Amino acid sequence: MKAGEIREMSLDEMVRKKESLKETYFNLRFQNATGQLENTGMLLKTRKDIARIETVIRENQLNKTDQK
């Protein structure tokens, strides 16, 4: 997921996507710990997607305070 795609989402969509990715990340970590995860690259990709969403949410918050 690219930052441009995230910026096009509404705040509610971003929050829902972030929660979904956190749940996915938890499941991936569990699979990795039990040796069932084949593609370990998904851990890094999911973690980075969560960070991108959090960054865009924070940017939106800062832009709102700057406009006041």
Protein backbone atom coordinates (compact mmCIF):
# COMPACT_ATOMS: atom_id res chain seq x y z
CA MET A 1 0.00 0.00 0.00
CA LYS A 2 1.43 3.35 -1.01
CA ALA A 3 1.15 6.61 0.89
CA GLY A 4 -0.77 8.18 -1.98
CA GLU A 5 -3.44 5.51 -1.71
CA ILE A 6 -3.68 6.09 2.03
CA ARG A 7 -4.02 9.86 1.63
CA GLU A 8 -7.06 9.31 -0.60
CA MET A 9 -8.86 7.45 2.23
CA SER A 10 -11.08 9.14 4.79
CA LEU A 11 -10.00 9.14 8.43
CA ASP A 12 -12.52 6.40 9.29
CA GLU A 13 -11.24 4.21 6.47
CA MET A 14 -7.65 4.70 7.64
CA VAL A 15 -8.52 3.74 11.20
CA ARG A 16 -10.40 0.63 10.05
CA LYS A 17 -7.54 -0.38 7.75
CA LYS A 18 -5.01 0.15 10.55
CA GLU A 19 -7.00 -2.08 12.92
CA SER A 20 -7.34 -4.72 10.21
CA LEU A 21 -3.60 -4.65 9.54
CA LYS A 22 -2.82 -4.90 13.26
CA GLU A 23 -4.97 -8.01 13.48
CA THR A 24 -3.26 -9.44 10.39
CA TYR A 25 0.16 -8.64 11.87
CA PHE A 26 -0.74 -10.41 15.10
CA ASN A 27 -1.83 -13.51 13.17
CA LEU A 28 1.35 -13.44 11.08
CA ARG A 29 3.50 -13.22 14.21
CA PHE A 30 1.63 -16.16 15.70
CA GLN A 31 2.12 -18.22 12.54
CA ASN A 32 5.80 -17.30 12.48
CA ALA A 33 6.27 -18.37 16.09
CA THR A 34 4.67 -21.75 15.42
CA GLY A 35 6.66 -22.29 12.23
CA GLN A 36 3.66 -22.15 9.91
CA LEU A 37 4.52 -18.90 8.10
CA GLU A 38 6.08 -19.49 4.69
CA ASN A 39 6.46 -15.89 3.53
CA THR A 40 8.20 -14.05 6.37
CA GLY A 41 8.41 -10.92 4.22
CA MET A 42 4.74 -10.33 4.96
CA LEU A 43 5.68 -9.42 8.55
CA LEU A 44 7.82 -6.50 7.39
CA LYS A 45 5.35 -5.40 4.72
CA THR A 46 2.44 -5.37 7.16
CA ARG A 47 4.42 -3.50 9.81
CA LYS A 48 5.44 -0.86 7.27
CA ASP A 49 1.85 -0.46 6.05
CA ILE A 50 0.72 0.16 9.64
CA ALA A 51 3.45 2.77 10.05
CA ARG A 52 2.46 4.50 6.79
CA ILE A 53 -1.15 4.77 7.91
CA GLU A 54 -0.13 6.12 11.32
CA THR A 55 2.12 8.68 9.62
CA VAL A 56 -0.66 9.94 7.33
CA ILE A 57 -3.09 10.14 10.26
CA ARG A 58 -0.53 12.20 12.20
CA GLU A 59 0.06 14.47 9.18
CA ASN A 60 -3.67 15.12 9.00
CA GLN A 61 -3.76 15.98 12.70
CA LEU A 62 -0.88 18.42 12.34
CA ASN A 63 -2.42 20.07 9.29
CA LYS A 64 -5.66 20.66 11.19
CA THR A 65 -3.85 22.36 14.07
CA ASP A 66 -1.79 24.51 11.67
CA GLN A 67 -4.92 25.79 9.96
CA LYS A 68 -6.43 27.11 13.20
